[in-house]
Every structure is written in structure tokens, then in C-alpha cells.
PDB file of N, CA and C in Angstrom:
ATOM      1  N   MET A   1     -10.017  -9.245  17.264  1.00  0.00           N
ATOM      2  CA  MET A   1      -8.572  -9.310  17.336  1.00  0.00           C
ATOM      3  C   MET A   1      -8.018 -10.123  16.171  1.00  0.00           C
ATOM      4  N   SER A   2      -8.707 -11.196  15.839  1.00  0.00           N
ATOM      5  CA  SER A   2      -8.281 -12.041  14.726  1.00  0.00           C
ATOM      6  C   SER A   2      -8.332 -11.286  13.408  1.00  0.00           C
ATOM      7  N   GLN A   3      -9.345 -10.447  13.248  1.00  0.00           N
ATOM      8  CA  GLN A   3      -9.482  -9.658  12.024  1.00  0.00           C
ATOM      9  C   GLN A   3      -8.310  -8.685  11.899  1.00  0.00           C
ATOM     10  N   GLN A   4      -7.887  -8.107  13.011  1.00  0.00           N
ATOM     11  CA  GLN A   4      -6.756  -7.176  12.994  1.00  0.00           C
ATOM     12  C   GLN A   4      -5.478  -7.911  12.602  1.00  0.00           C
ATOM     13  N   ASN A   5      -5.275  -9.126  13.119  1.00  0.00           N
ATOM     14  CA  ASN A   5      -4.087  -9.902  12.772  1.00  0.00           C
ATOM     15  C   ASN A   5      -4.078 -10.273  11.299  1.00  0.00           C
ATOM     16  N   SER A   6      -5.220 -10.690  10.770  1.00  0.00           N
ATOM     17  CA  SER A   6      -5.272 -11.059   9.357  1.00  0.00           C
ATOM     18  C   SER A   6      -5.063  -9.834   8.479  1.00  0.00           C
ATOM     19  N   ARG A   7      -5.547  -8.706   8.910  1.00  0.00           N
ATOM     20  CA  ARG A   7      -5.337  -7.471   8.141  1.00  0.00           C
ATOM     21  C   ARG A   7      -3.859  -7.082   8.153  1.00  0.00           C
ATOM     22  N   GLU A   8      -3.224  -7.217   9.305  1.00  0.00           N
ATOM     23  CA  GLU A   8      -1.798  -6.902   9.386  1.00  0.00           C
ATOM     24  C   GLU A   8      -0.984  -7.841   8.509  1.00  0.00           C
ATOM     25  N   LYS A   9      -1.359  -9.112   8.468  1.00  0.00           N
ATOM     26  CA  LYS A   9      -0.662 -10.064   7.603  1.00  0.00           C
ATOM     27  C   LYS A   9      -0.824  -9.693   6.136  1.00  0.00           C
ATOM     28  N   ALA A  10      -2.040  -9.301   5.746  1.00  0.00           N
ATOM     29  CA  ALA A  10      -2.283  -8.903   4.357  1.00  0.00           C
ATOM     30  C   ALA A  10      -1.481  -7.659   4.005  1.00  0.00           C
ATOM     31  N   MET A  11      -1.399  -6.720   4.932  1.00  0.00           N
ATOM     32  CA  MET A  11      -0.623  -5.505   4.677  1.00  0.00           C
ATOM     33  C   MET A  11       0.870  -5.831   4.574  1.00  0.00           C
ATOM     34  N   GLU A  12       1.337  -6.783   5.372  1.00  0.00           N
ATOM     35  CA  GLU A  12       2.740  -7.195   5.295  1.00  0.00           C
ATOM     36  C   GLU A  12       3.038  -7.831   3.939  1.00  0.00           C
ATOM     37  N   VAL A  13       2.133  -8.655   3.440  1.00  0.00           N
ATOM     38  CA  VAL A  13       2.300  -9.239   2.107  1.00  0.00           C
ATOM     39  C   VAL A  13       2.357  -8.125   1.070  1.00  0.00           C
ATOM     40  N   GLY A  14       1.502  -7.138   1.212  1.00  0.00           N
ATOM     41  CA  GLY A  14       1.502  -6.011   0.293  1.00  0.00           C
ATOM     42  C   GLY A  14       2.815  -5.242   0.329  1.00  0.00           C
ATOM     43  N   ARG A  15       3.375  -5.061   1.520  1.00  0.00           N
ATOM     44  CA  ARG A  15       4.654  -4.352   1.631  1.00  0.00           C
ATOM     45  C   ARG A  15       5.783  -5.156   1.003  1.00  0.00           C
ATOM     46  N   ARG A  16       5.769  -6.471   1.220  1.00  0.00           N
ATOM     47  CA  ARG A  16       6.836  -7.313   0.666  1.00  0.00           C
ATOM     48  C   ARG A  16       6.788  -7.377  -0.848  1.00  0.00           C
ATOM     49  N   THR A  17       5.590  -7.482  -1.396  1.00  0.00           N
ATOM     50  CA  THR A  17       5.460  -7.620  -2.843  1.00  0.00           C
ATOM     51  C   THR A  17       5.337  -6.279  -3.548  1.00  0.00           C
ATOM     52  N   GLY A  18       5.089  -5.236  -2.786  1.00  0.00           N
ATOM     53  CA  GLY A  18       4.894  -3.935  -3.391  1.00  0.00           C
ATOM     54  C   GLY A  18       3.513  -3.785  -4.001  1.00  0.00           C
ATOM     55  N   ARG A  19       2.631  -4.711  -3.732  1.00  0.00           N
ATOM     56  CA  ARG A  19       1.278  -4.682  -4.294  1.00  0.00           C
ATOM     57  C   ARG A  19       0.263  -4.991  -3.190  1.00  0.00           C
ATOM     58  N   ASP A  20      -0.902  -4.424  -3.362  1.00  0.00           N
ATOM     59  CA  ASP A  20      -2.021  -4.746  -2.492  1.00  0.00           C
ATOM     60  C   ASP A  20      -2.512  -6.138  -2.882  1.00  0.00           C
ATOM     61  N   PRO A  21      -2.793  -7.017  -1.937  1.00  0.00           N
ATOM     62  CA  PRO A  21      -3.271  -8.366  -2.290  1.00  0.00           C
ATOM     63  C   PRO A  21      -4.517  -8.355  -3.178  1.00  0.00           C
ATOM     64  N   ILE A  22      -5.350  -7.339  -3.043  1.00  0.00           N
ATOM     65  CA  ILE A  22      -6.544  -7.261  -3.889  1.00  0.00           C
ATOM     66  C   ILE A  22      -6.152  -7.067  -5.355  1.00  0.00           C
ATOM     67  N   VAL A  23      -5.109  -6.285  -5.601  1.00  0.00           N
ATOM     68  CA  VAL A  23      -4.655  -6.064  -6.981  1.00  0.00           C
ATOM     69  C   VAL A  23      -4.165  -7.382  -7.580  1.00  0.00           C
ATOM     70  N   LEU A  24      -3.459  -8.166  -6.787  1.00  0.00           N
ATOM     71  CA  LEU A  24      -2.986  -9.470  -7.270  1.00  0.00           C
ATOM     72  C   LEU A  24      -4.166 -10.407  -7.545  1.00  0.00           C
ATOM     73  N   ALA A  25      -5.159 -10.390  -6.671  1.00  0.00           N
ATOM     74  CA  ALA A  25      -6.345 -11.231  -6.881  1.00  0.00           C
ATOM     75  C   ALA A  25      -7.110 -10.782  -8.130  1.00  0.00           C
ATOM     76  N   ALA A  26      -7.194  -9.487  -8.353  1.00  0.00           N
ATOM     77  CA  ALA A  26      -7.882  -8.974  -9.545  1.00  0.00           C
ATOM     78  C   ALA A  26      -7.144  -9.394 -10.814  1.00  0.00           C
ATOM     79  N   ALA A  27      -5.819  -9.305 -10.786  1.00  0.00           N
ATOM     80  CA  ALA A  27      -5.034  -9.728 -11.961  1.00  0.00           C
ATOM     81  C   ALA A  27      -5.228 -11.215 -12.227  1.00  0.00           C
ATOM     82  N   GLY A  28      -5.249 -12.018 -11.161  1.00  0.00           N
ATOM     83  CA  GLY A  28      -5.494 -13.450 -11.321  1.00  0.00           C
ATOM     84  C   GLY A  28      -6.874 -13.721 -11.888  1.00  0.00           C
ATOM     85  N   SER A  29      -7.851 -12.938 -11.489  1.00  0.00           N
ATOM     86  CA  SER A  29      -9.208 -13.105 -12.015  1.00  0.00           C
ATOM     87  C   SER A  29      -9.280 -12.773 -13.500  1.00  0.00           C
ATOM     88  N   VAL A  30      -8.537 -11.758 -13.908  1.00  0.00           N
ATOM     89  CA  VAL A  30      -8.506 -11.412 -15.333  1.00  0.00           C
ATOM     90  C   VAL A  30      -7.920 -12.569 -16.132  1.00  0.00           C
ATOM     91  N   LEU A  31      -6.834 -13.139 -15.630  1.00  0.00           N
ATOM     92  CA  LEU A  31      -6.220 -14.275 -16.329  1.00  0.00           C
ATOM     93  C   LEU A  31      -7.176 -15.465 -16.389  1.00  0.00           C
ATOM     94  N   LEU A  32      -7.867 -15.731 -15.288  1.00  0.00           N
ATOM     95  CA  LEU A  32      -8.825 -16.830 -15.264  1.00  0.00           C
ATOM     96  C   LEU A  32      -9.984 -16.573 -16.234  1.00  0.00           C
ATOM     97  N   ALA A  33     -10.432 -15.332 -16.294  1.00  0.00           N
ATOM     98  CA  ALA A  33     -11.520 -14.986 -17.224  1.00  0.00           C
ATOM     99  C   ALA A  33     -11.075 -15.196 -18.664  1.00  0.00           C
ATOM    100  N   TRP A  34      -9.870 -14.757 -19.004  1.00  0.00           N
ATOM    101  CA  TRP A  34      -9.351 -14.959 -20.365  1.00  0.00           C
ATOM    102  C   TRP A  34      -9.236 -16.443 -20.687  1.00  0.00           C
ATOM    103  N   TYR A  35      -8.777 -17.213 -19.704  1.00  0.00           N
ATOM    104  CA  TYR A  35      -8.646 -18.662 -19.903  1.00  0.00           C
ATOM    105  C   TYR A  35     -10.011 -19.275 -20.207  1.00  0.00           C
ATOM    106  N   GLN A  36     -10.998 -18.933 -19.386  1.00  0.00           N
ATOM    107  CA  GLN A  36     -12.342 -19.486 -19.597  1.00  0.00           C
ATOM    108  C   GLN A  36     -12.909 -19.052 -20.946  1.00  0.00           C
ATOM    109  N   TYR A  37     -12.721 -17.810 -21.299  1.00  0.00           N
ATOM    110  CA  TYR A  37     -13.331 -17.255 -22.507  1.00  0.00           C
ATOM    111  C   TYR A  37     -12.656 -17.770 -23.771  1.00  0.00           C
ATOM    112  N   TYR A  38     -11.330 -17.680 -23.829  1.00  0.00           N
ATOM    113  CA  TYR A  38     -10.615 -17.998 -25.067  1.00  0.00           C
ATOM    114  C   TYR A  38     -10.153 -19.453 -25.166  1.00  0.00           C
ATOM    115  N   VAL A  39      -9.609 -19.996 -24.096  1.00  0.00           N
ATOM    116  CA  VAL A  39      -9.039 -21.343 -24.166  1.00  0.00           C
ATOM    117  C   VAL A  39     -10.130 -22.400 -24.074  1.00  0.00           C
ATOM    118  N   ARG A  40     -10.982 -22.288 -23.069  1.00  0.00           N
ATOM    119  CA  ARG A  40     -12.020 -23.304 -22.880  1.00  0.00           C
ATOM    120  C   ARG A  40     -13.262 -23.012 -23.705  1.00  0.00           C
ATOM    121  N   GLY A  41     -13.387 -21.808 -24.209  1.00  0.00           N
ATOM    122  CA  GLY A  41     -14.541 -21.458 -25.024  1.00  0.00           C
ATOM    123  C   GLY A  41     -15.822 -21.268 -24.234  1.00  0.00           C
ATOM    124  N   ASN A  42     -15.707 -21.180 -22.933  1.00  0.00           N
ATOM    125  CA  ASN A  42     -16.870 -21.005 -22.072  1.00  0.00           C
ATOM    126  C   ASN A  42     -17.084 -19.506 -21.859  1.00  0.00           C
ATOM    127  N   LYS A  43     -17.769 -18.880 -22.786  1.00  0.00           N
ATOM    128  CA  LYS A  43     -17.885 -17.426 -22.795  1.00  0.00           C
ATOM    129  C   LYS A  43     -18.688 -16.892 -21.611  1.00  0.00           C
ATOM    130  N   GLU A  44     -19.724 -17.610 -21.195  1.00  0.00           N
ATOM    131  CA  GLU A  44     -20.516 -17.137 -20.065  1.00  0.00           C
ATOM    132  C   GLU A  44     -19.694 -17.086 -18.785  1.00  0.00           C
ATOM    133  N   HIS A  45     -18.935 -18.147 -18.509  1.00  0.00           N
ATOM    134  CA  HIS A  45     -18.086 -18.145 -17.316  1.00  0.00           C
ATOM    135  C   HIS A  45     -16.997 -17.081 -17.427  1.00  0.00           C
ATOM    136  N   GLY A  46     -16.435 -16.938 -18.622  1.00  0.00           N
ATOM    137  CA  GLY A  46     -15.407 -15.929 -18.821  1.00  0.00           C
ATOM    138  C   GLY A  46     -15.923 -14.530 -18.537  1.00  0.00           C
ATOM    139  N   LEU A  47     -17.117 -14.231 -19.019  1.00  0.00           N
ATOM    140  CA  LEU A  47     -17.700 -12.914 -18.764  1.00  0.00           C
ATOM    141  C   LEU A  47     -18.057 -12.733 -17.287  1.00  0.00           C
ATOM    142  N   PHE A  48     -18.574 -13.788 -16.676  1.00  0.00           N
ATOM    143  CA  PHE A  48     -18.920 -13.707 -15.259  1.00  0.00           C
ATOM    144  C   PHE A  48     -17.680 -13.464 -14.413  1.00  0.00           C
ATOM    145  N   ILE A  49     -16.641 -14.228 -14.652  1.00  0.00           N
ATOM    146  CA  ILE A  49     -15.398 -14.058 -13.898  1.00  0.00           C
ATOM    147  C   ILE A  49     -14.774 -12.697 -14.217  1.00  0.00           C
ATOM    148  N   GLY A  50     -14.958 -12.214 -15.424  1.00  0.00           N
ATOM    149  CA  GLY A  50     -14.431 -10.914 -15.801  1.00  0.00           C
ATOM    150  C   GLY A  50     -15.049  -9.757 -15.035  1.00  0.00           C
ATOM    151  N   LEU A  51     -16.184  -9.987 -14.400  1.00  0.00           N
ATOM    152  CA  LEU A  51     -16.803  -8.949 -13.580  1.00  0.00           C
ATOM    153  C   LEU A  51     -16.195  -8.869 -12.184  1.00  0.00           C
ATOM    154  N   TRP A  52     -15.463  -9.876 -11.772  1.00  0.00           N
ATOM    155  CA  TRP A  52     -14.883  -9.882 -10.438  1.00  0.00           C
ATOM    156  C   TRP A  52     -13.840  -8.788 -10.210  1.00  0.00           C
ATOM    157  N   PRO A  53     -12.867  -8.583 -11.115  1.00  0.00           N
ATOM    158  CA  PRO A  53     -11.815  -7.601 -10.816  1.00  0.00           C
ATOM    159  C   PRO A  53     -12.334  -6.188 -10.527  1.00  0.00           C
ATOM    160  N   PRO A  54     -13.225  -5.630 -11.342  1.00  0.00           N
ATOM    161  CA  PRO A  54     -13.677  -4.283 -10.990  1.00  0.00           C
ATOM    162  C   PRO A  54     -14.436  -4.244  -9.662  1.00  0.00           C
ATOM    163  N   THR A  55     -15.148  -5.321  -9.357  1.00  0.00           N
ATOM    164  CA  THR A  55     -15.868  -5.384  -8.092  1.00  0.00           C
ATOM    165  C   THR A  55     -14.891  -5.416  -6.920  1.00  0.00           C
ATOM    166  N   MET A  56     -13.862  -6.249  -7.024  1.00  0.00           N
ATOM    167  CA  MET A  56     -12.861  -6.330  -5.951  1.00  0.00           C
ATOM    168  C   MET A  56     -12.136  -5.000  -5.775  1.00  0.00           C
ATOM    169  N   LEU A  57     -11.752  -4.372  -6.881  1.00  0.00           N
ATOM    170  CA  LEU A  57     -11.018  -3.112  -6.803  1.00  0.00           C
ATOM    171  C   LEU A  57     -11.901  -1.991  -6.254  1.00  0.00           C
ATOM    172  N   ALA A  58     -13.164  -1.973  -6.631  1.00  0.00           N
ATOM    173  CA  ALA A  58     -14.082  -0.956  -6.102  1.00  0.00           C
ATOM    174  C   ALA A  58     -14.283  -1.137  -4.598  1.00  0.00           C
ATOM    175  N   PHE A  59     -14.436  -2.375  -4.163  1.00  0.00           N
ATOM    176  CA  PHE A  59     -14.598  -2.641  -2.731  1.00  0.00           C
ATOM    177  C   PHE A  59     -13.340  -2.237  -1.975  1.00  0.00           C
ATOM    178  N   SER A  60     -12.177  -2.562  -2.525  1.00  0.00           N
ATOM    179  CA  SER A  60     -10.915  -2.195  -1.889  1.00  0.00           C
ATOM    180  C   SER A  60     -10.786  -0.682  -1.770  1.00  0.00           C
ATOM    181  N   ASN A  61     -11.142   0.036  -2.826  1.00  0.00           N
ATOM    182  CA  ASN A  61     -11.090   1.494  -2.783  1.00  0.00           C
ATOM    183  C   ASN A  61     -12.039   2.053  -1.739  1.00  0.00           C
ATOM    184  N   ALA A  62     -13.229   1.495  -1.629  1.00  0.00           N
ATOM    185  CA  ALA A  62     -14.188   1.961  -0.634  1.00  0.00           C
ATOM    186  C   ALA A  62     -13.642   1.776   0.778  1.00  0.00           C
ATOM    187  N   VAL A  63     -12.999   0.652   1.027  1.00  0.00           N
ATOM    188  CA  VAL A  63     -12.409   0.396   2.348  1.00  0.00           C
ATOM    189  C   VAL A  63     -11.283   1.393   2.622  1.00  0.00           C
ATOM    190  N   HIS A  64     -10.426   1.630   1.635  1.00  0.00           N
ATOM    191  CA  HIS A  64      -9.318   2.575   1.819  1.00  0.00           C
ATOM    192  C   HIS A  64      -9.836   3.990   2.049  1.00  0.00           C
ATOM    193  N   ILE A  65     -10.880   4.384   1.339  1.00  0.00           N
ATOM    194  CA  ILE A  65     -11.447   5.720   1.523  1.00  0.00           C
ATOM    195  C   ILE A  65     -12.007   5.864   2.932  1.00  0.00           C
ATOM    196  N   GLU A  66     -12.657   4.834   3.443  1.00  0.00           N
ATOM    197  CA  GLU A  66     -13.201   4.880   4.798  1.00  0.00           C
ATOM    198  C   GLU A  66     -12.079   4.989   5.822  1.00  0.00           C
ATOM    199  N   GLU A  67     -10.982   4.264   5.612  1.00  0.00           N
ATOM    200  CA  GLU A  67      -9.835   4.357   6.525  1.00  0.00           C
ATOM    201  C   GLU A  67      -9.253   5.769   6.521  1.00  0.00           C
ATOM    202  N   ILE A  68      -9.150   6.363   5.358  1.00  0.00           N
ATOM    203  CA  ILE A  68      -8.618   7.725   5.250  1.00  0.00           C
ATOM    204  C   ILE A  68      -9.564   8.705   5.944  1.00  0.00           C
ATOM    205  N   ARG A  69     -10.869   8.520   5.740  1.00  0.00           N
ATOM    206  CA  ARG A  69     -11.850   9.402   6.379  1.00  0.00           C
ATOM    207  C   ARG A  69     -11.735   9.324   7.901  1.00  0.00           C
ATOM    208  N   GLU A  70     -11.584   8.127   8.435  1.00  0.00           N
ATOM    209  CA  GLU A  70     -11.451   7.974   9.884  1.00  0.00           C
ATOM    210  C   GLU A  70     -10.178   8.634  10.392  1.00  0.00           C
ATOM    211  N   GLU A  71      -9.080   8.471   9.665  1.00  0.00           N
ATOM    212  CA  GLU A  71      -7.816   9.068  10.083  1.00  0.00           C
ATOM    213  C   GLU A  71      -7.896  10.593  10.047  1.00  0.00           C
ATOM    214  N   VAL A  72      -8.494  11.135   9.011  1.00  0.00           N
ATOM    215  CA  VAL A  72      -8.657  12.588   8.920  1.00  0.00           C
ATOM    216  C   VAL A  72      -9.535  13.083  10.066  1.00  0.00           C
ATOM    217  N   GLY A  73     -10.597  12.366  10.366  1.00  0.00           N
ATOM    218  CA  GLY A  73     -11.467  12.750  11.473  1.00  0.00           C
ATOM    219  C   GLY A  73     -10.729  12.756  12.797  1.00  0.00           C
ATOM    220  N   GLU A  74      -9.897  11.740  13.040  1.00  0.00           N
ATOM    221  CA  GLU A  74      -9.122  11.684  14.279  1.00  0.00           C
ATOM    222  C   GLU A  74      -8.137  12.849  14.360  1.00  0.00           C
ATOM    223  N   ARG A  75      -7.492  13.151  13.258  1.00  0.00           N
ATOM    224  CA  ARG A  75      -6.523  14.256  13.250  1.00  0.00           C
ATOM    225  C   ARG A  75      -7.224  15.602  13.435  1.00  0.00           C
ATOM    226  N   MET A  76      -8.402  15.751  12.858  1.00  0.00           N
ATOM    227  CA  MET A  76      -9.151  16.990  13.029  1.00  0.00           C
ATOM    228  C   MET A  76      -9.550  17.175  14.487  1.00  0.00           C
ATOM    229  N   GLU A  77      -9.975  16.104  15.147  1.00  0.00           N
ATOM    230  CA  GLU A  77     -10.320  16.188  16.562  1.00  0.00           C
ATOM    231  C   GLU A  77      -9.113  16.593  17.379  1.00  0.00           C
ATOM    232  N   THR A  78      -7.967  16.030  17.050  1.00  0.00           N
ATOM    233  CA  THR A  78      -6.734  16.362  17.760  1.00  0.00           C
ATOM    234  C   THR A  78      -6.386  17.837  17.567  1.00  0.00           C
ATOM    235  N   LEU A  79      -6.512  18.330  16.334  1.00  0.00           N
ATOM    236  CA  LEU A  79      -6.207  19.732  16.068  1.00  0.00           C
ATOM    237  C   LEU A  79      -7.191  20.659  16.767  1.00  0.00           C
ATOM    238  N   LEU A  80      -8.458  20.290  16.795  1.00  0.00           N
ATOM    239  CA  LEU A  80      -9.460  21.133  17.401  1.00  0.00           C
ATOM    240  C   LEU A  80      -9.379  21.119  18.926  1.00  0.00           C
ATOM    241  N   ASP A  81      -8.851  20.053  19.500  1.00  0.00           N
ATOM    242  CA  ASP A  81      -8.732  19.944  20.959  1.00  0.00           C
ATOM    243  C   ASP A  81      -7.543  20.717  21.515  1.00  0.00           C
ATOM    244  N   ARG A  82      -6.626  21.139  20.668  1.00  0.00           N
ATOM    245  CA  ARG A  82      -5.446  21.873  21.129  1.00  0.00           C
ATOM    246  C   ARG A  82      -5.850  23.244  21.661  1.00  0.00           C
ATOM    247  N   GLU A  83      -5.137  23.651  22.680  1.00  0.00           N
ATOM    248  CA  GLU A  83      -5.342  24.978  23.255  1.00  0.00           C
ATOM    249  C   GLU A  83      -4.557  25.992  22.427  1.00  0.00           C
ATOM    250  N   PRO A  84      -5.146  27.140  22.114  1.00  0.00           N
ATOM    251  CA  PRO A  84      -4.408  28.152  21.326  1.00  0.00           C
ATOM    252  C   PRO A  84      -3.316  28.836  22.125  1.00  0.00           C
TER     253      PRO A  84
END
């Protein structure tokens, strides 16, 4: 139940800002990676942090695809259960 509430809160933030929270986190990671790489000169940390955004976005896409698959499956069951 707690997971559902936290998910609803995240979706509400996304609706208010017009962005998925994962996209905002990925953008922040890119900025942090640039800071580490160029400003602090710590190239290893910059490259490591630079790997986070594609990982976060790929995970987010996988979750969204699974949600869509479940919804399509539910709708297909509903359509198939109808009497002609």
C-alpha cells in the first residue's frame, strides 16, 4: 500500500511539473557529471556519474512498457470475455 502511495505522489509531481521525476533526476545527474568532470577535474567520477542517466531512463522505460503490457492484457481479456 505504501508503494502505491509513493507512486501516486511521484505521478502527481510529474503532472504538476509536466515531467517524469526520472527525467529530472537524469538531468540532474548530467549536470553533476559535468561538474565533476570539468569543474573539479575528477574525470573518473564524472564518467561514472555520466552513466547514471541512461541507466535511469532505461529502467523507467522498462517499467512503463510493463505497465502498458499489463493494461493491454487486461483490455484484451475484457474484449474477449464479451458476448457477441
